[in-house]
């Protein structure tokens, strides 16, 4: 996440000044790839924490539009609002089969 410290993530776009056009998604894509490679993570491992398959993550890295829910999670992750632990706990809660889906403040 150190790589992202000088960049402000905002649901699919950067807040830094950019030339007109759709360069913001390219920059987001480049930063995601750079972060993933710096951490020496495979696409499968990196994208799985956001509930995304390796093949879909590869398409995102190749320029496919990232849907808003995934973009929001990426933004929260790169802004250090949520951690790997938070994402793991959320996944476990969502996959529970022993009862109704209920989120409490402590989960």
PDB file of N, CA and C in Angstrom:
ATOM      1  N   UNK A   1       0.808  -1.179   0.000  1.00  0.00           N
ATOM      2  CA  UNK A   1       0.000   0.000   0.000  1.00  0.00           C
ATOM      3  C   UNK A   1       0.859   1.254   0.000  1.00  0.00           C
ATOM      4  N   UNK A   2       2.151   1.098   0.320  1.00  0.00           N
ATOM      5  CA  UNK A   2       3.031   2.253   0.312  1.00  0.00           C
ATOM      6  C   UNK A   2       3.032   2.938  -1.046  1.00  0.00           C
ATOM      7  N   UNK A   3       2.933   2.142  -2.100  1.00  0.00           N
ATOM      8  CA  UNK A   3       2.934   2.668  -3.452  1.00  0.00           C
ATOM      9  C   UNK A   3       1.776   3.626  -3.665  1.00  0.00           C
ATOM     10  N   UNK A   4       0.675   3.404  -2.972  1.00  0.00           N
ATOM     11  CA  UNK A   4      -0.525   4.193  -3.177  1.00  0.00           C
ATOM     12  C   UNK A   4      -0.582   5.431  -2.291  1.00  0.00           C
ATOM     13  N   UNK A   5       0.379   5.627  -1.392  1.00  0.00           N
ATOM     14  CA  UNK A   5       0.285   6.711  -0.431  1.00  0.00           C
ATOM     15  C   UNK A   5       0.232   8.088  -1.074  1.00  0.00           C
ATOM     16  N   UNK A   6       0.885   8.281  -2.206  1.00  0.00           N
ATOM     17  CA  UNK A   6       0.898   9.587  -2.853  1.00  0.00           C
ATOM     18  C   UNK A   6      -0.223   9.748  -3.856  1.00  0.00           C
ATOM     19  N   UNK A   7      -1.097   8.801  -3.918  1.00  0.00           N
ATOM     20  CA  UNK A   7      -2.213   8.844  -4.864  1.00  0.00           C
ATOM     21  C   UNK A   7      -3.507   8.743  -4.092  1.00  0.00           C
ATOM     22  N   UNK A   8      -4.471   9.543  -4.463  1.00  0.00           N
ATOM     23  CA  UNK A   8      -5.767   9.523  -3.794  1.00  0.00           C
ATOM     24  C   UNK A   8      -6.738   8.753  -4.665  1.00  0.00           C
ATOM     25  N   UNK A   9      -7.232   7.661  -4.136  1.00  0.00           N
ATOM     26  CA  UNK A   9      -8.142   6.806  -4.866  1.00  0.00           C
ATOM     27  C   UNK A   9      -9.555   7.339  -4.678  1.00  0.00           C
ATOM     28  N   UNK A  10     -10.326   7.364  -5.749  1.00  0.00           N
ATOM     29  CA  UNK A  10     -11.696   7.838  -5.625  1.00  0.00           C
ATOM     30  C   UNK A  10     -12.581   7.067  -6.594  1.00  0.00           C
ATOM     31  N   UNK A  11     -13.097   5.943  -6.156  1.00  0.00           N
ATOM     32  CA  UNK A  11     -14.040   5.119  -6.929  1.00  0.00           C
ATOM     33  C   UNK A  11     -13.781   5.138  -8.422  1.00  0.00           C
ATOM     34  N   UNK A  12     -12.614   4.654  -8.815  1.00  0.00           N
ATOM     35  CA  UNK A  12     -12.332   4.501 -10.237  1.00  0.00           C
ATOM     36  C   UNK A  12     -11.538   5.619 -10.860  1.00  0.00           C
ATOM     37  N   UNK A  13     -11.293   6.700 -10.149  1.00  0.00           N
ATOM     38  CA  UNK A  13     -10.503   7.792 -10.724  1.00  0.00           C
ATOM     39  C   UNK A  13      -9.536   8.318  -9.690  1.00  0.00           C
ATOM     40  N   UNK A  14      -8.503   8.971 -10.167  1.00  0.00           N
ATOM     41  CA  UNK A  14      -7.556   9.634  -9.291  1.00  0.00           C
ATOM     42  C   UNK A  14      -7.950  11.083  -9.168  1.00  0.00           C
ATOM     43  N   UNK A  15      -7.618  11.686  -8.046  1.00  0.00           N
ATOM     44  CA  UNK A  15      -7.965  13.077  -7.856  1.00  0.00           C
ATOM     45  C   UNK A  15      -6.868  14.007  -8.349  1.00  0.00           C
ATOM     46  N   UNK A  16      -5.727  13.448  -8.773  1.00  0.00           N
ATOM     47  CA  UNK A  16      -4.683  14.317  -9.302  1.00  0.00           C
ATOM     48  C   UNK A  16      -5.091  14.821 -10.677  1.00  0.00           C
ATOM     49  N   UNK A  17      -4.477  15.910 -11.130  1.00  0.00           N
ATOM     50  CA  UNK A  17      -4.834  16.495 -12.418  1.00  0.00           C
ATOM     51  C   UNK A  17      -4.417  15.581 -13.551  1.00  0.00           C
ATOM     52  N   UNK A  18      -5.335  15.384 -14.482  1.00  0.00           N
ATOM     53  CA  UNK A  18      -5.087  14.524 -15.628  1.00  0.00           C
ATOM     54  C   UNK A  18      -5.537  15.232 -16.887  1.00  0.00           C
ATOM     55  N   UNK A  19      -4.881  14.930 -18.002  1.00  0.00           N
ATOM     56  CA  UNK A  19      -5.381  15.468 -19.255  1.00  0.00           C
ATOM     57  C   UNK A  19      -6.778  14.937 -19.522  1.00  0.00           C
ATOM     58  N   UNK A  20      -7.520  15.645 -20.382  1.00  0.00           N
ATOM     59  CA  UNK A  20      -8.867  15.180 -20.687  1.00  0.00           C
ATOM     60  C   UNK A  20      -8.805  13.814 -21.356  1.00  0.00           C
ATOM     61  N   UNK A  21      -9.878  13.084 -21.282  1.00  0.00           N
ATOM     62  CA  UNK A  21      -9.920  11.735 -21.834  1.00  0.00           C
ATOM     63  C   UNK A  21     -10.096  10.731 -20.728  1.00  0.00           C
ATOM     64  N   UNK A  22      -9.918   9.472 -21.048  1.00  0.00           N
ATOM     65  CA  UNK A  22     -10.163   8.405 -20.083  1.00  0.00           C
ATOM     66  C   UNK A  22      -8.858   7.859 -19.521  1.00  0.00           C
ATOM     67  N   UNK A  23      -7.900   8.726 -19.243  1.00  0.00           N
ATOM     68  CA  UNK A  23      -6.615   8.276 -18.716  1.00  0.00           C
ATOM     69  C   UNK A  23      -6.706   7.820 -17.269  1.00  0.00           C
ATOM     70  N   UNK A  24      -7.722   8.275 -16.533  1.00  0.00           N
ATOM     71  CA  UNK A  24      -7.794   7.923 -15.118  1.00  0.00           C
ATOM     72  C   UNK A  24      -7.896   6.417 -14.917  1.00  0.00           C
ATOM     73  N   UNK A  25      -8.662   5.724 -15.763  1.00  0.00           N
ATOM     74  CA  UNK A  25      -8.772   4.278 -15.598  1.00  0.00           C
ATOM     75  C   UNK A  25      -7.469   3.587 -15.948  1.00  0.00           C
ATOM     76  N   UNK A  26      -6.727   4.134 -16.900  1.00  0.00           N
ATOM     77  CA  UNK A  26      -5.424   3.571 -17.251  1.00  0.00           C
ATOM     78  C   UNK A  26      -4.460   3.733 -16.078  1.00  0.00           C
ATOM     79  N   UNK A  27      -4.466   4.903 -15.458  1.00  0.00           N
ATOM     80  CA  UNK A  27      -3.571   5.128 -14.327  1.00  0.00           C
ATOM     81  C   UNK A  27      -3.952   4.231 -13.165  1.00  0.00           C
ATOM     82  N   UNK A  28      -5.238   4.104 -12.875  1.00  0.00           N
ATOM     83  CA  UNK A  28      -5.656   3.198 -11.811  1.00  0.00           C
ATOM     84  C   UNK A  28      -5.160   1.787 -12.108  1.00  0.00           C
ATOM     85  N   UNK A  29      -5.334   1.357 -13.348  1.00  0.00           N
ATOM     86  CA  UNK A  29      -4.916   0.016 -13.758  1.00  0.00           C
ATOM     87  C   UNK A  29      -3.413  -0.144 -13.570  1.00  0.00           C
ATOM     88  N   UNK A  30      -2.651   0.837 -13.993  1.00  0.00           N
ATOM     89  CA  UNK A  30      -1.192   0.779 -13.873  1.00  0.00           C
ATOM     90  C   UNK A  30      -0.776   0.724 -12.402  1.00  0.00           C
ATOM     91  N   UNK A  31      -1.424   1.522 -11.562  1.00  0.00           N
ATOM     92  CA  UNK A  31      -1.082   1.519 -10.139  1.00  0.00           C
ATOM     93  C   UNK A  31      -1.461   0.202  -9.461  1.00  0.00           C
ATOM     94  N   UNK A  32      -2.601  -0.366  -9.850  1.00  0.00           N
ATOM     95  CA  UNK A  32      -3.002  -1.662  -9.287  1.00  0.00           C
ATOM     96  C   UNK A  32      -1.981  -2.730  -9.656  1.00  0.00           C
ATOM     97  N   UNK A  33      -1.594  -2.760 -10.921  1.00  0.00           N
ATOM     98  CA  UNK A  33      -0.604  -3.748 -11.375  1.00  0.00           C
ATOM     99  C   UNK A  33       0.721  -3.549 -10.654  1.00  0.00           C
ATOM    100  N   UNK A  34       1.168  -2.300 -10.545  1.00  0.00           N
ATOM    101  CA  UNK A  34       2.441  -2.011  -9.875  1.00  0.00           C
ATOM    102  C   UNK A  34       2.392  -2.434  -8.407  1.00  0.00           C
ATOM    103  N   UNK A  35       1.283  -2.145  -7.730  1.00  0.00           N
ATOM    104  CA  UNK A  35       1.135  -2.537  -6.332  1.00  0.00           C
ATOM    105  C   UNK A  35       1.185  -4.055  -6.196  1.00  0.00           C
ATOM    106  N   UNK A  36       0.412  -4.735  -7.033  1.00  0.00           N
ATOM    107  CA  UNK A  36       0.345  -6.202  -6.974  1.00  0.00           C
ATOM    108  C   UNK A  36       1.718  -6.813  -7.199  1.00  0.00           C
ATOM    109  N   UNK A  37       2.438  -6.292  -8.188  1.00  0.00           N
ATOM    110  CA  UNK A  37       3.767  -6.838  -8.494  1.00  0.00           C
ATOM    111  C   UNK A  37       4.771  -6.498  -7.401  1.00  0.00           C
ATOM    112  N   UNK A  38       4.674  -5.298  -6.827  1.00  0.00           N
ATOM    113  CA  UNK A  38       5.579  -4.925  -5.732  1.00  0.00           C
ATOM    114  C   UNK A  38       5.399  -5.879  -4.556  1.00  0.00           C
ATOM    115  N   UNK A  39       4.146  -6.272  -4.298  1.00  0.00           N
ATOM    116  CA  UNK A  39       3.856  -7.206  -3.208  1.00  0.00           C
ATOM    117  C   UNK A  39       4.089  -8.663  -3.613  1.00  0.00           C
ATOM    118  N   UNK A  40       4.476  -8.872  -4.877  1.00  0.00           N
ATOM    119  CA  UNK A  40       4.756 -10.219  -5.407  1.00  0.00           C
ATOM    120  C   UNK A  40       3.538 -11.135  -5.249  1.00  0.00           C
ATOM    121  N   UNK A  41       2.373 -10.592  -5.552  1.00  0.00           N
ATOM    122  CA  UNK A  41       1.145 -11.372  -5.470  1.00  0.00           C
ATOM    123  C   UNK A  41       0.675 -11.756  -6.868  1.00  0.00           C
ATOM    124  N   UNK A  42       0.142 -12.937  -6.960  1.00  0.00           N
ATOM    125  CA  UNK A  42      -0.459 -13.377  -8.220  1.00  0.00           C
ATOM    126  C   UNK A  42      -1.775 -12.633  -8.409  1.00  0.00           C
ATOM    127  N   UNK A  43      -2.259 -12.628  -9.636  1.00  0.00           N
ATOM    128  CA  UNK A  43      -3.576 -12.042  -9.883  1.00  0.00           C
ATOM    129  C   UNK A  43      -4.630 -12.769  -9.065  1.00  0.00           C
ATOM    130  N   UNK A  44      -4.531 -14.083  -9.022  1.00  0.00           N
ATOM    131  CA  UNK A  44      -5.519 -14.879  -8.286  1.00  0.00           C
ATOM    132  C   UNK A  44      -5.597 -14.427  -6.831  1.00  0.00           C
ATOM    133  N   UNK A  45      -4.457 -14.315  -6.169  1.00  0.00           N
ATOM    134  CA  UNK A  45      -4.443 -13.942  -4.748  1.00  0.00           C
ATOM    135  C   UNK A  45      -4.901 -12.503  -4.537  1.00  0.00           C
ATOM    136  N   UNK A  46      -4.392 -11.582  -5.348  1.00  0.00           N
ATOM    137  CA  UNK A  46      -4.751 -10.180  -5.179  1.00  0.00           C
ATOM    138  C   UNK A  46      -6.250  -9.967  -5.356  1.00  0.00           C
ATOM    139  N   UNK A  47      -6.797 -10.417  -6.470  1.00  0.00           N
ATOM    140  CA  UNK A  47      -8.200 -10.151  -6.788  1.00  0.00           C
ATOM    141  C   UNK A  47      -9.161 -10.949  -5.916  1.00  0.00           C
ATOM    142  N   UNK A  48      -8.746 -12.109  -5.403  1.00  0.00           N
ATOM    143  CA  UNK A  48      -9.630 -12.928  -4.562  1.00  0.00           C
ATOM    144  C   UNK A  48     -10.067 -12.166  -3.321  1.00  0.00           C
ATOM    145  N   UNK A  49      -9.215 -11.319  -2.766  1.00  0.00           N
ATOM    146  CA  UNK A  49      -9.591 -10.583  -1.553  1.00  0.00           C
ATOM    147  C   UNK A  49     -10.759  -9.641  -1.806  1.00  0.00           C
ATOM    148  N   UNK A  50     -11.010  -9.304  -3.074  1.00  0.00           N
ATOM    149  CA  UNK A  50     -12.128  -8.421  -3.430  1.00  0.00           C
ATOM    150  C   UNK A  50     -13.296  -9.198  -4.029  1.00  0.00           C
ATOM    151  N   UNK A  51     -13.233 -10.536  -3.972  1.00  0.00           N
ATOM    152  CA  UNK A  51     -14.298 -11.366  -4.500  1.00  0.00           C
ATOM    153  C   UNK A  51     -14.308 -11.449  -6.015  1.00  0.00           C
ATOM    154  N   UNK A  52     -13.132 -11.271  -6.616  1.00  0.00           N
ATOM    155  CA  UNK A  52     -13.007 -11.252  -8.076  1.00  0.00           C
ATOM    156  C   UNK A  52     -12.158 -12.443  -8.515  1.00  0.00           C
ATOM    157  N   UNK A  53     -12.571 -13.124  -9.585  1.00  0.00           N
ATOM    158  CA  UNK A  53     -11.788 -14.249 -10.102  1.00  0.00           C
ATOM    159  C   UNK A  53     -10.518 -13.742 -10.774  1.00  0.00           C
ATOM    160  N   UNK A  54      -9.566 -14.639 -10.960  1.00  0.00           N
ATOM    161  CA  UNK A  54      -8.314 -14.268 -11.625  1.00  0.00           C
ATOM    162  C   UNK A  54      -8.583 -13.788 -13.044  1.00  0.00           C
ATOM    163  N   UNK A  55      -9.461 -14.476 -13.772  1.00  0.00           N
ATOM    164  CA  UNK A  55      -9.698 -14.086 -15.163  1.00  0.00           C
ATOM    165  C   UNK A  55     -10.354 -12.711 -15.249  1.00  0.00           C
ATOM    166  N   UNK A  56     -11.276 -12.415 -14.352  1.00  0.00           N
ATOM    167  CA  UNK A  56     -11.920 -11.092 -14.352  1.00  0.00           C
ATOM    168  C   UNK A  56     -10.918 -10.019 -13.935  1.00  0.00           C
ATOM    169  N   UNK A  57     -10.100 -10.317 -12.923  1.00  0.00           N
ATOM    170  CA  UNK A  57      -9.060  -9.375 -12.501  1.00  0.00           C
ATOM    171  C   UNK A  57      -8.088  -9.079 -13.630  1.00  0.00           C
ATOM    172  N   UNK A  58      -7.755 -10.098 -14.406  1.00  0.00           N
ATOM    173  CA  UNK A  58      -6.879  -9.910 -15.558  1.00  0.00           C
ATOM    174  C   UNK A  58      -7.518  -8.948 -16.560  1.00  0.00           C
ATOM    175  N   UNK A  59      -8.826  -9.092 -16.754  1.00  0.00           N
ATOM    176  CA  UNK A  59      -9.529  -8.179 -17.673  1.00  0.00           C
ATOM    177  C   UNK A  59      -9.513  -6.753 -17.136  1.00  0.00           C
ATOM    178  N   UNK A  60      -9.674  -6.599 -15.825  1.00  0.00           N
ATOM    179  CA  UNK A  60      -9.595  -5.262 -15.231  1.00  0.00           C
ATOM    180  C   UNK A  60      -8.205  -4.673 -15.466  1.00  0.00           C
ATOM    181  N   UNK A  61      -7.173  -5.489 -15.256  1.00  0.00           N
ATOM    182  CA  UNK A  61      -5.806  -5.012 -15.449  1.00  0.00           C
ATOM    183  C   UNK A  61      -5.512  -4.712 -16.913  1.00  0.00           C
ATOM    184  N   UNK A  62      -6.282  -5.307 -17.817  1.00  0.00           N
ATOM    185  CA  UNK A  62      -6.098  -5.054 -19.249  1.00  0.00           C
ATOM    186  C   UNK A  62      -6.934  -3.878 -19.741  1.00  0.00           C
ATOM    187  N   UNK A  63      -7.719  -3.276 -18.853  1.00  0.00           N
ATOM    188  CA  UNK A  63      -8.459  -2.085 -19.228  1.00  0.00           C
ATOM    189  C   UNK A  63      -9.962  -2.184 -19.154  1.00  0.00           C
ATOM    190  N   UNK A  64     -10.518  -3.354 -18.803  1.00  0.00           N
ATOM    191  CA  UNK A  64     -11.973  -3.466 -18.652  1.00  0.00           C
ATOM    192  C   UNK A  64     -12.422  -2.590 -17.488  1.00  0.00           C
ATOM    193  N   UNK A  65     -13.613  -2.052 -17.605  1.00  0.00           N
ATOM    194  CA  UNK A  65     -14.146  -1.188 -16.556  1.00  0.00           C
ATOM    195  C   UNK A  65     -14.375  -1.984 -15.271  1.00  0.00           C
ATOM    196  N   UNK A  66     -13.956  -1.417 -14.169  1.00  0.00           N
ATOM    197  CA  UNK A  66     -14.132  -2.046 -12.862  1.00  0.00           C
ATOM    198  C   UNK A  66     -15.483  -1.592 -12.322  1.00  0.00           C
ATOM    199  N   UNK A  67     -16.372  -2.547 -11.985  1.00  0.00           N
ATOM    200  CA  UNK A  67     -17.697  -2.161 -11.493  1.00  0.00           C
ATOM    201  C   UNK A  67     -17.607  -1.384 -10.178  1.00  0.00           C
ATOM    202  N   UNK A  68     -18.573  -0.510  -9.935  1.00  0.00           N
ATOM    203  CA  UNK A  68     -18.534   0.328  -8.727  1.00  0.00           C
ATOM    204  C   UNK A  68     -18.301  -0.414  -7.417  1.00  0.00           C
ATOM    205  N   UNK A  69     -18.953  -1.563  -7.131  1.00  0.00           N
ATOM    206  CA  UNK A  69     -18.680  -2.212  -5.836  1.00  0.00           C
ATOM    207  C   UNK A  69     -17.213  -2.614  -5.661  1.00  0.00           C
ATOM    208  N   UNK A  70     -16.596  -3.113  -6.719  1.00  0.00           N
ATOM    209  CA  UNK A  70     -15.185  -3.513  -6.645  1.00  0.00           C
ATOM    210  C   UNK A  70     -14.309  -2.271  -6.534  1.00  0.00           C
ATOM    211  N   UNK A  71     -14.651  -1.241  -7.273  1.00  0.00           N
ATOM    212  CA  UNK A  71     -13.903   0.012  -7.215  1.00  0.00           C
ATOM    213  C   UNK A  71     -13.954   0.614  -5.812  1.00  0.00           C
ATOM    214  N   UNK A  72     -15.111   0.538  -5.182  1.00  0.00           N
ATOM    215  CA  UNK A  72     -15.256   1.048  -3.819  1.00  0.00           C
ATOM    216  C   UNK A  72     -14.366   0.259  -2.864  1.00  0.00           C
ATOM    217  N   UNK A  73     -14.387  -1.073  -2.976  1.00  0.00           N
ATOM    218  CA  UNK A  73     -13.522  -1.895  -2.116  1.00  0.00           C
ATOM    219  C   UNK A  73     -12.050  -1.575  -2.340  1.00  0.00           C
ATOM    220  N   UNK A  74     -11.655  -1.425  -3.609  1.00  0.00           N
ATOM    221  CA  UNK A  74     -10.261  -1.071  -3.909  1.00  0.00           C
ATOM    222  C   UNK A  74      -9.904   0.269  -3.267  1.00  0.00           C
ATOM    223  N   UNK A  75     -10.802   1.239  -3.391  1.00  0.00           N
ATOM    224  CA  UNK A  75     -10.553   2.550  -2.797  1.00  0.00           C
ATOM    225  C   UNK A  75     -10.392   2.476  -1.289  1.00  0.00           C
ATOM    226  N   UNK A  76     -11.270   1.738  -0.633  1.00  0.00           N
ATOM    227  CA  UNK A  76     -11.176   1.586   0.818  1.00  0.00           C
ATOM    228  C   UNK A  76      -9.884   0.874   1.213  1.00  0.00           C
ATOM    229  N   UNK A  77      -9.503  -0.125   0.428  1.00  0.00           N
ATOM    230  CA  UNK A  77      -8.291  -0.896   0.700  1.00  0.00           C
ATOM    231  C   UNK A  77      -7.041  -0.031   0.539  1.00  0.00           C
ATOM    232  N   UNK A  78      -6.954   0.679  -0.588  1.00  0.00           N
ATOM    233  CA  UNK A  78      -5.764   1.485  -0.846  1.00  0.00           C
ATOM    234  C   UNK A  78      -5.687   2.722   0.035  1.00  0.00           C
ATOM    235  N   UNK A  79      -6.811   3.190   0.551  1.00  0.00           N
ATOM    236  CA  UNK A  79      -6.801   4.305   1.494  1.00  0.00           C
ATOM    237  C   UNK A  79      -6.653   3.828   2.933  1.00  0.00           C
ATOM    238  N   UNK A  80      -6.429   2.522   3.098  1.00  0.00           N
ATOM    239  CA  UNK A  80      -6.203   1.891   4.402  1.00  0.00           C
ATOM    240  C   UNK A  80      -7.389   2.017   5.346  1.00  0.00           C
ATOM    241  N   UNK A  81      -8.594   2.091   4.784  1.00  0.00           N
ATOM    242  CA  UNK A  81      -9.800   2.109   5.599  1.00  0.00           C
ATOM    243  C   UNK A  81     -10.186   0.688   5.986  1.00  0.00           C
ATOM    244  N   UNK A  82      -9.922  -0.260   5.082  1.00  0.00           N
ATOM    245  CA  UNK A  82     -10.141  -1.672   5.369  1.00  0.00           C
ATOM    246  C   UNK A  82      -8.843  -2.427   5.106  1.00  0.00           C
ATOM    247  N   UNK A  83      -8.686  -3.534   5.803  1.00  0.00           N
ATOM    248  CA  UNK A  83      -7.456  -4.326   5.700  1.00  0.00           C
ATOM    249  C   UNK A  83      -7.767  -5.706   5.132  1.00  0.00           C
ATOM    250  N   UNK A  84      -6.717  -6.478   4.923  1.00  0.00           N
ATOM    251  CA  UNK A  84      -6.900  -7.870   4.498  1.00  0.00           C
ATOM    252  C   UNK A  84      -7.750  -8.621   5.522  1.00  0.00           C
ATOM    253  N   UNK A  85      -7.512  -8.356   6.798  1.00  0.00           N
ATOM    254  CA  UNK A  85      -8.288  -9.011   7.851  1.00  0.00           C
ATOM    255  C   UNK A  85      -9.765  -8.663   7.767  1.00  0.00           C
ATOM    256  N   UNK A  86     -10.063  -7.393   7.518  1.00  0.00           N
ATOM    257  CA  UNK A  86     -11.459  -6.970   7.372  1.00  0.00           C
ATOM    258  C   UNK A  86     -12.122  -7.694   6.212  1.00  0.00           C
ATOM    259  N   UNK A  87     -11.431  -7.768   5.082  1.00  0.00           N
ATOM    260  CA  UNK A  87     -11.983  -8.434   3.902  1.00  0.00           C
ATOM    261  C   UNK A  87     -12.189  -9.921   4.176  1.00  0.00           C
ATOM    262  N   UNK A  88     -11.249 -10.542   4.883  1.00  0.00           N
ATOM    263  CA  UNK A  88     -11.371 -11.961   5.221  1.00  0.00           C
ATOM    264  C   UNK A  88     -12.551 -12.225   6.141  1.00  0.00           C
ATOM    265  N   UNK A  89     -12.724 -11.369   7.154  1.00  0.00           N
ATOM    266  CA  UNK A  89     -13.865 -11.523   8.064  1.00  0.00           C
ATOM    267  C   UNK A  89     -15.181 -11.345   7.317  1.00  0.00           C
ATOM    268  N   UNK A  90     -15.249 -10.372   6.433  1.00  0.00           N
ATOM    269  CA  UNK A  90     -16.474 -10.148   5.657  1.00  0.00           C
ATOM    270  C   UNK A  90     -16.788 -11.361   4.792  1.00  0.00           C
ATOM    271  N   UNK A  91     -15.769 -11.941   4.187  1.00  0.00           N
ATOM    272  CA  UNK A  91     -15.988 -13.120   3.353  1.00  0.00           C
ATOM    273  C   UNK A  91     -16.511 -14.290   4.181  1.00  0.00           C
ATOM    274  N   UNK A  92     -15.924 -14.488   5.363  1.00  0.00           N
ATOM    275  CA  UNK A  92     -16.379 -15.591   6.223  1.00  0.00           C
ATOM    276  C   UNK A  92     -17.834 -15.390   6.643  1.00  0.00           C
ATOM    277  N   UNK A  93     -18.209 -14.171   6.975  1.00  0.00           N
ATOM    278  CA  UNK A  93     -19.586 -13.882   7.365  1.00  0.00           C
ATOM    279  C   UNK A  93     -20.530 -14.147   6.200  1.00  0.00           C
ATOM    280  N   UNK A  94     -20.159 -13.715   5.022  1.00  0.00           N
ATOM    281  CA  UNK A  94     -21.016 -13.906   3.856  1.00  0.00           C
ATOM    282  C   UNK A  94     -21.156 -15.368   3.469  1.00  0.00           C
ATOM    283  N   UNK A  95     -20.153 -16.187   3.755  1.00  0.00           N
ATOM    284  CA  UNK A  95     -20.186 -17.602   3.374  1.00  0.00           C
ATOM    285  C   UNK A  95     -20.768 -18.511   4.451  1.00  0.00           C
ATOM    286  N   UNK A  96     -21.103 -17.939   5.602  1.00  0.00           N
ATOM    287  CA  UNK A  96     -21.673 -18.759   6.680  1.00  0.00           C
ATOM    288  C   UNK A  96     -22.965 -19.399   6.228  1.00  0.00           C
ATOM    289  N   UNK A  97     -23.125 -20.658   6.598  1.00  0.00           N
ATOM    290  CA  UNK A  97     -24.340 -21.384   6.233  1.00  0.00           C
ATOM    291  C   UNK A  97     -25.157 -21.768   7.458  1.00  0.00           C
ATOM    292  N   UNK A  98     -24.692 -21.374   8.648  1.00  0.00           N
ATOM    293  CA  UNK A  98     -25.357 -21.809   9.874  1.00  0.00           C
ATOM    294  C   UNK A  98     -26.465 -20.875  10.351  1.00  0.00           C
ATOM    295  N   UNK A  99     -26.775 -19.853   9.595  1.00  0.00           N
ATOM    296  CA  UNK A  99     -27.825 -18.958  10.044  1.00  0.00           C
ATOM    297  C   UNK A  99     -28.021 -17.812   9.077  1.00  0.00           C
ATOM    298  N   UNK A 100     -28.919 -16.901   9.447  1.00  0.00           N
ATOM    299  CA  UNK A 100     -29.189 -15.765   8.574  1.00  0.00           C
ATOM    300  C   UNK A 100     -27.984 -14.838   8.491  1.00  0.00           C
ATOM    301  N   UNK A 101     -27.897 -14.124   7.406  1.00  0.00           N
ATOM    302  CA  UNK A 101     -26.814 -13.174   7.211  1.00  0.00           C
ATOM    303  C   UNK A 101     -27.073 -11.940   8.054  1.00  0.00           C
ATOM    304  N   UNK A 102     -26.290 -11.808   9.110  1.00  0.00           N
ATOM    305  CA  UNK A 102     -26.433 -10.664  10.000  1.00  0.00           C
ATOM    306  C   UNK A 102     -25.053 -10.121  10.294  1.00  0.00           C
ATOM    307  N   UNK A 103     -24.860  -8.857  10.080  1.00  0.00           N
ATOM    308  CA  UNK A 103     -23.597  -8.228  10.408  1.00  0.00           C
ATOM    309  C   UNK A 103     -23.780  -7.409  11.670  1.00  0.00           C
ATOM    310  N   UNK A 104     -22.906  -7.648  12.628  1.00  0.00           N
ATOM    311  CA  UNK A 104     -22.942  -6.834  13.847  1.00  0.00           C
ATOM    312  C   UNK A 104     -21.672  -6.008  13.887  1.00  0.00           C
ATOM    313  N   UNK A 105     -21.653  -4.944  14.661  1.00  0.00           N
ATOM    314  CA  UNK A 105     -20.502  -4.052  14.683  1.00  0.00           C
ATOM    315  C   UNK A 105     -19.179  -4.743  14.993  1.00  0.00           C
ATOM    316  N   UNK A 106     -19.196  -5.834  15.714  1.00  0.00           N
ATOM    317  CA  UNK A 106     -17.956  -6.509  16.082  1.00  0.00           C
ATOM    318  C   UNK A 106     -17.425  -7.475  15.042  1.00  0.00           C
ATOM    319  N   UNK A 107     -18.123  -7.677  13.936  1.00  0.00           N
ATOM    320  CA  UNK A 107     -17.694  -8.685  12.958  1.00  0.00           C
ATOM    321  C   UNK A 107     -16.837  -8.098  11.894  1.00  0.00           C
TER     322      UNK A 107
END
